[in-house]
Amino acid sequence: MKEKDLRKYHRILGVTLAVFVLAQAGTGLYLNFEHHHGFLSTLHFGGGAIGTLYRSLLAFGMIGLVITGLSIYLKGRARG
């Protein structure tokens, strides 16, 4: 795949996931220090099948970011 395309997909995926990663990381960090069970706990852990799908898609998206980012890095390094 061309580096230009990798950069495009990496940017689109990153911008799309940014809000969801922020929500997941923010609620997780808060719950780490404050053990409240309510909306934030439901947002972070709950949602039943929809929540599981959401967290799975988020994880796959993060894996995609790592793979495209690593590919961009390696292509740049190969150029010198």
PDB file of N, CA and C in Angstrom:
ATOM      1  N   MET A   1       0.851  -1.171   0.000  1.00  0.00           N
ATOM      2  CA  MET A   1       0.000   0.000   0.000  1.00  0.00           C
ATOM      3  C   MET A   1       0.901   1.241   0.000  1.00  0.00           C
ATOM      4  N   LYS A   2       0.498   2.245  -0.718  1.00  0.00           N
ATOM      5  CA  LYS A   2       1.273   3.478  -0.794  1.00  0.00           C
ATOM      6  C   LYS A   2       1.232   4.223   0.544  1.00  0.00           C
ATOM      7  N   GLU A   3       2.345   4.887   0.841  1.00  0.00           N
ATOM      8  CA  GLU A   3       2.426   5.624   2.103  1.00  0.00           C
ATOM      9  C   GLU A   3       1.357   6.719   2.169  1.00  0.00           C
ATOM     10  N   LYS A   4       1.070   7.343   1.036  1.00  0.00           N
ATOM     11  CA  LYS A   4       0.038   8.391   1.002  1.00  0.00           C
ATOM     12  C   LYS A   4      -1.306   7.825   1.462  1.00  0.00           C
ATOM     13  N   ASP A   5      -1.653   6.641   0.972  1.00  0.00           N
ATOM     14  CA  ASP A   5      -2.913   6.006   1.370  1.00  0.00           C
ATOM     15  C   ASP A   5      -2.891   5.599   2.838  1.00  0.00           C
ATOM     16  N   LEU A   6      -1.750   5.062   3.294  1.00  0.00           N
ATOM     17  CA  LEU A   6      -1.627   4.687   4.702  1.00  0.00           C
ATOM     18  C   LEU A   6      -1.854   5.901   5.600  1.00  0.00           C
ATOM     19  N   ARG A   7      -1.239   7.015   5.237  1.00  0.00           N
ATOM     20  CA  ARG A   7      -1.397   8.241   6.034  1.00  0.00           C
ATOM     21  C   ARG A   7      -2.853   8.705   6.063  1.00  0.00           C
ATOM     22  N   LYS A   8      -3.519   8.614   4.910  1.00  0.00           N
ATOM     23  CA  LYS A   8      -4.924   9.021   4.823  1.00  0.00           C
ATOM     24  C   LYS A   8      -5.789   8.153   5.734  1.00  0.00           C
ATOM     25  N   TYR A   9      -5.627   6.835   5.647  1.00  0.00           N
ATOM     26  CA  TYR A   9      -6.429   5.922   6.471  1.00  0.00           C
ATOM     27  C   TYR A   9      -6.106   6.091   7.950  1.00  0.00           C
ATOM     28  N   HIS A  10      -4.833   6.280   8.258  1.00  0.00           N
ATOM     29  CA  HIS A  10      -4.404   6.470   9.639  1.00  0.00           C
ATOM     30  C   HIS A  10      -5.028   7.749  10.217  1.00  0.00           C
ATOM     31  N   ARG A  11      -5.030   8.808   9.443  1.00  0.00           N
ATOM     32  CA  ARG A  11      -5.599  10.088   9.899  1.00  0.00           C
ATOM     33  C   ARG A  11      -7.109   9.969  10.098  1.00  0.00           C
ATOM     34  N   ILE A  12      -7.806   9.387   9.145  1.00  0.00           N
ATOM     35  CA  ILE A  12      -9.267   9.245   9.243  1.00  0.00           C
ATOM     36  C   ILE A  12      -9.631   8.375  10.443  1.00  0.00           C
ATOM     37  N   LEU A  13      -8.938   7.258  10.590  1.00  0.00           N
ATOM     38  CA  LEU A  13      -9.217   6.353  11.709  1.00  0.00           C
ATOM     39  C   LEU A  13      -8.914   7.034  13.039  1.00  0.00           C
ATOM     40  N   GLY A  14      -7.810   7.744  13.107  1.00  0.00           N
ATOM     41  CA  GLY A  14      -7.432   8.426  14.345  1.00  0.00           C
ATOM     42  C   GLY A  14      -8.427   9.492  14.758  1.00  0.00           C
ATOM     43  N   VAL A  15      -8.847  10.300  13.807  1.00  0.00           N
ATOM     44  CA  VAL A  15      -9.807  11.364  14.115  1.00  0.00           C
ATOM     45  C   VAL A  15     -11.155  10.765  14.514  1.00  0.00           C
ATOM     46  N   THR A  16     -11.556   9.697  13.841  1.00  0.00           N
ATOM     47  CA  THR A  16     -12.832   9.058  14.148  1.00  0.00           C
ATOM     48  C   THR A  16     -12.818   8.440  15.548  1.00  0.00           C
ATOM     49  N   LEU A  17     -11.723   7.794  15.895  1.00  0.00           N
ATOM     50  CA  LEU A  17     -11.650   7.109  17.184  1.00  0.00           C
ATOM     51  C   LEU A  17     -11.336   8.025  18.358  1.00  0.00           C
ATOM     52  N   ALA A  18     -10.841   9.215  18.093  1.00  0.00           N
ATOM     53  CA  ALA A  18     -10.362  10.101  19.159  1.00  0.00           C
ATOM     54  C   ALA A  18     -11.405  10.335  20.247  1.00  0.00           C
ATOM     55  N   VAL A  19     -12.624  10.620  19.874  1.00  0.00           N
ATOM     56  CA  VAL A  19     -13.672  10.903  20.862  1.00  0.00           C
ATOM     57  C   VAL A  19     -13.959   9.665  21.708  1.00  0.00           C
ATOM     58  N   PHE A  20     -14.007   8.507  21.067  1.00  0.00           N
ATOM     59  CA  PHE A  20     -14.331   7.280  21.778  1.00  0.00           C
ATOM     60  C   PHE A  20     -13.184   6.842  22.689  1.00  0.00           C
ATOM     61  N   VAL A  21     -11.959   7.001  22.227  1.00  0.00           N
ATOM     62  CA  VAL A  21     -10.801   6.671  23.058  1.00  0.00           C
ATOM     63  C   VAL A  21     -10.757   7.602  24.264  1.00  0.00           C
ATOM     64  N   LEU A  22     -11.015   8.875  24.039  1.00  0.00           N
ATOM     65  CA  LEU A  22     -11.042   9.841  25.132  1.00  0.00           C
ATOM     66  C   LEU A  22     -12.113   9.474  26.159  1.00  0.00           C
ATOM     67  N   ALA A  23     -13.295   9.106  25.695  1.00  0.00           N
ATOM     68  CA  ALA A  23     -14.375   8.715  26.609  1.00  0.00           C
ATOM     69  C   ALA A  23     -14.002   7.461  27.391  1.00  0.00           C
ATOM     70  N   GLN A  24     -13.461   6.464  26.713  1.00  0.00           N
ATOM     71  CA  GLN A  24     -13.118   5.211  27.374  1.00  0.00           C
ATOM     72  C   GLN A  24     -11.970   5.401  28.361  1.00  0.00           C
ATOM     73  N   ALA A  25     -10.932   6.104  27.935  1.00  0.00           N
ATOM     74  CA  ALA A  25      -9.787   6.339  28.814  1.00  0.00           C
ATOM     75  C   ALA A  25     -10.158   7.267  29.972  1.00  0.00           C
ATOM     76  N   GLY A  26     -10.943   8.292  29.679  1.00  0.00           N
ATOM     77  CA  GLY A  26     -11.348   9.244  30.727  1.00  0.00           C
ATOM     78  C   GLY A  26     -12.206   8.599  31.793  1.00  0.00           C
ATOM     79  N   THR A  27     -13.190   7.817  31.391  1.00  0.00           N
ATOM     80  CA  THR A  27     -14.036   7.153  32.383  1.00  0.00           C
ATOM     81  C   THR A  27     -13.236   6.101  33.149  1.00  0.00           C
ATOM     82  N   GLY A  28     -12.344   5.396  32.461  1.00  0.00           N
ATOM     83  CA  GLY A  28     -11.516   4.394  33.142  1.00  0.00           C
ATOM     84  C   GLY A  28     -10.598   5.029  34.171  1.00  0.00           C
ATOM     85  N   LEU A  29      -9.991   6.148  33.819  1.00  0.00           N
ATOM     86  CA  LEU A  29      -9.108   6.855  34.746  1.00  0.00           C
ATOM     87  C   LEU A  29      -9.887   7.353  35.959  1.00  0.00           C
ATOM     88  N   TYR A  30     -11.036   7.940  35.717  1.00  0.00           N
ATOM     89  CA  TYR A  30     -11.873   8.434  36.813  1.00  0.00           C
ATOM     90  C   TYR A  30     -12.307   7.287  37.727  1.00  0.00           C
ATOM     91  N   LEU A  31     -12.750   6.200  37.126  1.00  0.00           N
ATOM     92  CA  LEU A  31     -13.212   5.064  37.925  1.00  0.00           C
ATOM     93  C   LEU A  31     -12.067   4.405  38.692  1.00  0.00           C
ATOM     94  N   ASN A  32     -10.861   4.583  38.210  1.00  0.00           N
ATOM     95  CA  ASN A  32      -9.697   4.048  38.908  1.00  0.00           C
ATOM     96  C   ASN A  32      -9.517   4.713  40.276  1.00  0.00           C
ATOM     97  N   PHE A  33      -9.882   5.975  40.379  1.00  0.00           N
ATOM     98  CA  PHE A  33      -9.714   6.718  41.624  1.00  0.00           C
ATOM     99  C   PHE A  33     -11.003   6.870  42.408  1.00  0.00           C
ATOM    100  N   GLU A  34     -12.112   6.903  41.736  1.00  0.00           N
ATOM    101  CA  GLU A  34     -13.420   7.060  42.372  1.00  0.00           C
ATOM    102  C   GLU A  34     -14.275   5.844  42.015  1.00  0.00           C
ATOM    103  N   HIS A  35     -14.658   5.082  42.997  1.00  0.00           N
ATOM    104  CA  HIS A  35     -15.389   3.843  42.736  1.00  0.00           C
ATOM    105  C   HIS A  35     -16.902   4.064  42.774  1.00  0.00           C
ATOM    106  N   HIS A  36     -17.371   4.903  41.881  1.00  0.00           N
ATOM    107  CA  HIS A  36     -18.794   5.160  41.774  1.00  0.00           C
ATOM    108  C   HIS A  36     -19.416   4.168  40.807  1.00  0.00           C
ATOM    109  N   HIS A  37     -20.619   3.794  41.099  1.00  0.00           N
ATOM    110  CA  HIS A  37     -21.365   2.938  40.184  1.00  0.00           C
ATOM    111  C   HIS A  37     -22.556   3.740  39.710  1.00  0.00           C
ATOM    112  N   GLY A  38     -22.524   4.128  38.500  1.00  0.00           N
ATOM    113  CA  GLY A  38     -23.589   4.944  37.939  1.00  0.00           C
ATOM    114  C   GLY A  38     -23.361   5.105  36.459  1.00  0.00           C
ATOM    115  N   PHE A  39     -23.643   6.288  35.964  1.00  0.00           N
ATOM    116  CA  PHE A  39     -23.558   6.551  34.530  1.00  0.00           C
ATOM    117  C   PHE A  39     -22.170   6.272  33.969  1.00  0.00           C
ATOM    118  N   LEU A  40     -21.123   6.758  34.648  1.00  0.00           N
ATOM    119  CA  LEU A  40     -19.760   6.560  34.122  1.00  0.00           C
ATOM    120  C   LEU A  40     -19.374   5.086  34.125  1.00  0.00           C
ATOM    121  N   SER A  41     -19.780   4.373  35.146  1.00  0.00           N
ATOM    122  CA  SER A  41     -19.506   2.939  35.191  1.00  0.00           C
ATOM    123  C   SER A  41     -20.223   2.214  34.058  1.00  0.00           C
ATOM    124  N   THR A  42     -21.470   2.591  33.819  1.00  0.00           N
ATOM    125  CA  THR A  42     -22.234   2.005  32.717  1.00  0.00           C
ATOM    126  C   THR A  42     -21.600   2.355  31.387  1.00  0.00           C
ATOM    127  N   LEU A  43     -21.178   3.608  31.230  1.00  0.00           N
ATOM    128  CA  LEU A  43     -20.533   4.033  29.990  1.00  0.00           C
ATOM    129  C   LEU A  43     -19.250   3.254  29.751  1.00  0.00           C
ATOM    130  N   HIS A  44     -18.485   3.028  30.813  1.00  0.00           N
ATOM    131  CA  HIS A  44     -17.198   2.361  30.663  1.00  0.00           C
ATOM    132  C   HIS A  44     -17.320   0.843  30.519  1.00  0.00           C
ATOM    133  N   PHE A  45     -18.163   0.217  31.314  1.00  0.00           N
ATOM    134  CA  PHE A  45     -18.231  -1.242  31.357  1.00  0.00           C
ATOM    135  C   PHE A  45     -19.491  -1.829  30.733  1.00  0.00           C
ATOM    136  N   GLY A  46     -20.582  -1.084  30.732  1.00  0.00           N
ATOM    137  CA  GLY A  46     -21.892  -1.659  30.432  1.00  0.00           C
ATOM    138  C   GLY A  46     -22.291  -1.639  28.974  1.00  0.00           C
ATOM    139  N   GLY A  47     -23.575  -1.687  28.786  1.00  0.00           N
ATOM    140  CA  GLY A  47     -24.136  -1.630  27.446  1.00  0.00           C
ATOM    141  C   GLY A  47     -24.515  -2.963  26.855  1.00  0.00           C
ATOM    142  N   GLY A  48     -24.323  -4.026  27.596  1.00  0.00           N
ATOM    143  CA  GLY A  48     -24.694  -5.351  27.096  1.00  0.00           C
ATOM    144  C   GLY A  48     -23.971  -5.677  25.805  1.00  0.00           C
ATOM    145  N   ALA A  49     -24.707  -6.248  24.862  1.00  0.00           N
ATOM    146  CA  ALA A  49     -24.120  -6.647  23.578  1.00  0.00           C
ATOM    147  C   ALA A  49     -23.623  -5.439  22.783  1.00  0.00           C
ATOM    148  N   ILE A  50     -24.357  -4.335  22.865  1.00  0.00           N
ATOM    149  CA  ILE A  50     -23.942  -3.106  22.158  1.00  0.00           C
ATOM    150  C   ILE A  50     -22.634  -2.588  22.748  1.00  0.00           C
ATOM    151  N   GLY A  51     -22.525  -2.598  24.067  1.00  0.00           N
ATOM    152  CA  GLY A  51     -21.298  -2.153  24.721  1.00  0.00           C
ATOM    153  C   GLY A  51     -20.109  -3.036  24.364  1.00  0.00           C
ATOM    154  N   THR A  52     -20.345  -4.340  24.309  1.00  0.00           N
ATOM    155  CA  THR A  52     -19.281  -5.270  23.929  1.00  0.00           C
ATOM    156  C   THR A  52     -18.860  -5.021  22.490  1.00  0.00           C
ATOM    157  N   LEU A  53     -19.809  -4.803  21.612  1.00  0.00           N
ATOM    158  CA  LEU A  53     -19.495  -4.496  20.212  1.00  0.00           C
ATOM    159  C   LEU A  53     -18.714  -3.187  20.117  1.00  0.00           C
ATOM    160  N   TYR A  54     -19.156  -2.172  20.849  1.00  0.00           N
ATOM    161  CA  TYR A  54     -18.481  -0.874  20.864  1.00  0.00           C
ATOM    162  C   TYR A  54     -17.028  -1.024  21.303  1.00  0.00           C
ATOM    163  N   ARG A  55     -16.798  -1.716  22.423  1.00  0.00           N
ATOM    164  CA  ARG A  55     -15.433  -1.874  22.924  1.00  0.00           C
ATOM    165  C   ARG A  55     -14.587  -2.733  21.989  1.00  0.00           C
ATOM    166  N   SER A  56     -15.192  -3.714  21.347  1.00  0.00           N
ATOM    167  CA  SER A  56     -14.465  -4.546  20.381  1.00  0.00           C
ATOM    168  C   SER A  56     -14.066  -3.730  19.157  1.00  0.00           C
ATOM    169  N   LEU A  57     -14.981  -2.925  18.640  1.00  0.00           N
ATOM    170  CA  LEU A  57     -14.656  -2.075  17.488  1.00  0.00           C
ATOM    171  C   LEU A  57     -13.592  -1.049  17.850  1.00  0.00           C
ATOM    172  N   LEU A  58     -13.670  -0.516  19.048  1.00  0.00           N
ATOM    173  CA  LEU A  58     -12.664   0.430  19.507  1.00  0.00           C
ATOM    174  C   LEU A  58     -11.291  -0.244  19.583  1.00  0.00           C
ATOM    175  N   ALA A  59     -11.255  -1.459  20.096  1.00  0.00           N
ATOM    176  CA  ALA A  59      -9.989  -2.197  20.184  1.00  0.00           C
ATOM    177  C   ALA A  59      -9.437  -2.500  18.792  1.00  0.00           C
ATOM    178  N   PHE A  60     -10.284  -2.944  17.880  1.00  0.00           N
ATOM    179  CA  PHE A  60      -9.826  -3.204  16.511  1.00  0.00           C
ATOM    180  C   PHE A  60      -9.340  -1.922  15.842  1.00  0.00           C
ATOM    181  N   GLY A  61     -10.029  -0.820  16.108  1.00  0.00           N
ATOM    182  CA  GLY A  61      -9.599   0.462  15.558  1.00  0.00           C
ATOM    183  C   GLY A  61      -8.233   0.865  16.075  1.00  0.00           C
ATOM    184  N   MET A  62      -7.986   0.660  17.370  1.00  0.00           N
ATOM    185  CA  MET A  62      -6.679   0.975  17.947  1.00  0.00           C
ATOM    186  C   MET A  62      -5.589   0.083  17.351  1.00  0.00           C
ATOM    187  N   ILE A  63      -5.904  -1.179  17.133  1.00  0.00           N
ATOM    188  CA  ILE A  63      -4.946  -2.081  16.497  1.00  0.00           C
ATOM    189  C   ILE A  63      -4.648  -1.592  15.078  1.00  0.00           C
ATOM    190  N   GLY A  64      -5.685  -1.145  14.375  1.00  0.00           N
ATOM    191  CA  GLY A  64      -5.489  -0.589  13.034  1.00  0.00           C
ATOM    192  C   GLY A  64      -4.589   0.636  13.049  1.00  0.00           C
ATOM    193  N   LEU A  65      -4.757   1.492  14.050  1.00  0.00           N
ATOM    194  CA  LEU A  65      -3.899   2.670  14.169  1.00  0.00           C
ATOM    195  C   LEU A  65      -2.444   2.276  14.410  1.00  0.00           C
ATOM    196  N   VAL A  66      -2.244   1.286  15.249  1.00  0.00           N
ATOM    197  CA  VAL A  66      -0.883   0.828  15.520  1.00  0.00           C
ATOM    198  C   VAL A  66      -0.251   0.255  14.248  1.00  0.00           C
ATOM    199  N   ILE A  67      -0.986  -0.559  13.520  1.00  0.00           N
ATOM    200  CA  ILE A  67      -0.450  -1.175  12.297  1.00  0.00           C
ATOM    201  C   ILE A  67      -0.150  -0.124  11.240  1.00  0.00           C
ATOM    202  N   THR A  68      -1.083   0.806  11.000  1.00  0.00           N
ATOM    203  CA  THR A  68      -0.820   1.827   9.975  1.00  0.00           C
ATOM    204  C   THR A  68       0.297   2.763  10.421  1.00  0.00           C
ATOM    205  N   GLY A  69       0.335   3.115  11.706  1.00  0.00           N
ATOM    206  CA  GLY A  69       1.403   3.976  12.202  1.00  0.00           C
ATOM    207  C   GLY A  69       2.771   3.323  12.072  1.00  0.00           C
ATOM    208  N   LEU A  70       2.845   2.046  12.406  1.00  0.00           N
ATOM    209  CA  LEU A  70       4.100   1.312  12.274  1.00  0.00           C
ATOM    210  C   LEU A  70       4.514   1.197  10.807  1.00  0.00           C
ATOM    211  N   SER A  71       3.551   0.955   9.930  1.00  0.00           N
ATOM    212  CA  SER A  71       3.853   0.872   8.495  1.00  0.00           C
ATOM    213  C   SER A  71       4.379   2.198   7.964  1.00  0.00           C
ATOM    214  N   ILE A  72       3.772   3.294   8.374  1.00  0.00           N
ATOM    215  CA  ILE A  72       4.236   4.620   7.957  1.00  0.00           C
ATOM    216  C   ILE A  72       5.663   4.853   8.454  1.00  0.00           C
ATOM    217  N   TYR A  73       5.915   4.506   9.690  1.00  0.00           N
ATOM    218  CA  TYR A  73       7.249   4.677  10.270  1.00  0.00           C
ATOM    219  C   TYR A  73       8.290   3.860   9.491  1.00  0.00           C
ATOM    220  N   LEU A  74       7.966   2.585   9.217  1.00  0.00           N
ATOM    221  CA  LEU A  74       8.919   1.726   8.525  1.00  0.00           C
ATOM    222  C   LEU A  74       9.173   2.193   7.093  1.00  0.00           C
ATOM    223  N   LYS A  75       8.140   2.654   6.409  1.00  0.00           N
ATOM    224  CA  LYS A  75       8.324   3.162   5.039  1.00  0.00           C
ATOM    225  C   LYS A  75       9.200   4.414   5.055  1.00  0.00           C
ATOM    226  N   GLY A  76       8.973   5.290   6.016  1.00  0.00           N
ATOM    227  CA  GLY A  76       9.802   6.486   6.143  1.00  0.00           C
ATOM    228  C   GLY A  76      11.243   6.160   6.465  1.00  0.00           C
ATOM    229  N   ARG A  77      11.435   5.190   7.334  1.00  0.00           N
ATOM    230  CA  ARG A  77      12.795   4.781   7.717  1.00  0.00           C
ATOM    231  C   ARG A  77      13.528   4.127   6.545  1.00  0.00           C
ATOM    232  N   ALA A  78      12.802   3.365   5.717  1.00  0.00           N
ATOM    233  CA  ALA A  78      13.420   2.705   4.560  1.00  0.00           C
ATOM    234  C   ALA A  78      13.901   3.725   3.531  1.00  0.00           C
ATOM    235  N   ARG A  79      13.206   4.877   3.481  1.00  0.00           N
ATOM    236  CA  ARG A  79      13.606   5.926   2.540  1.00  0.00           C
ATOM    237  C   ARG A  79      14.941   6.570   2.965  1.00  0.00           C
ATOM    238  N   GLY A  80      15.190   6.541   4.250  1.00  0.00           N
ATOM    239  CA  GLY A  80      16.441   7.103   4.736  1.00  0.00           C
ATOM    240  C   GLY A  80      16.207   8.352   5.421  1.00  0.00           C
TER     241      GLY A  80
END
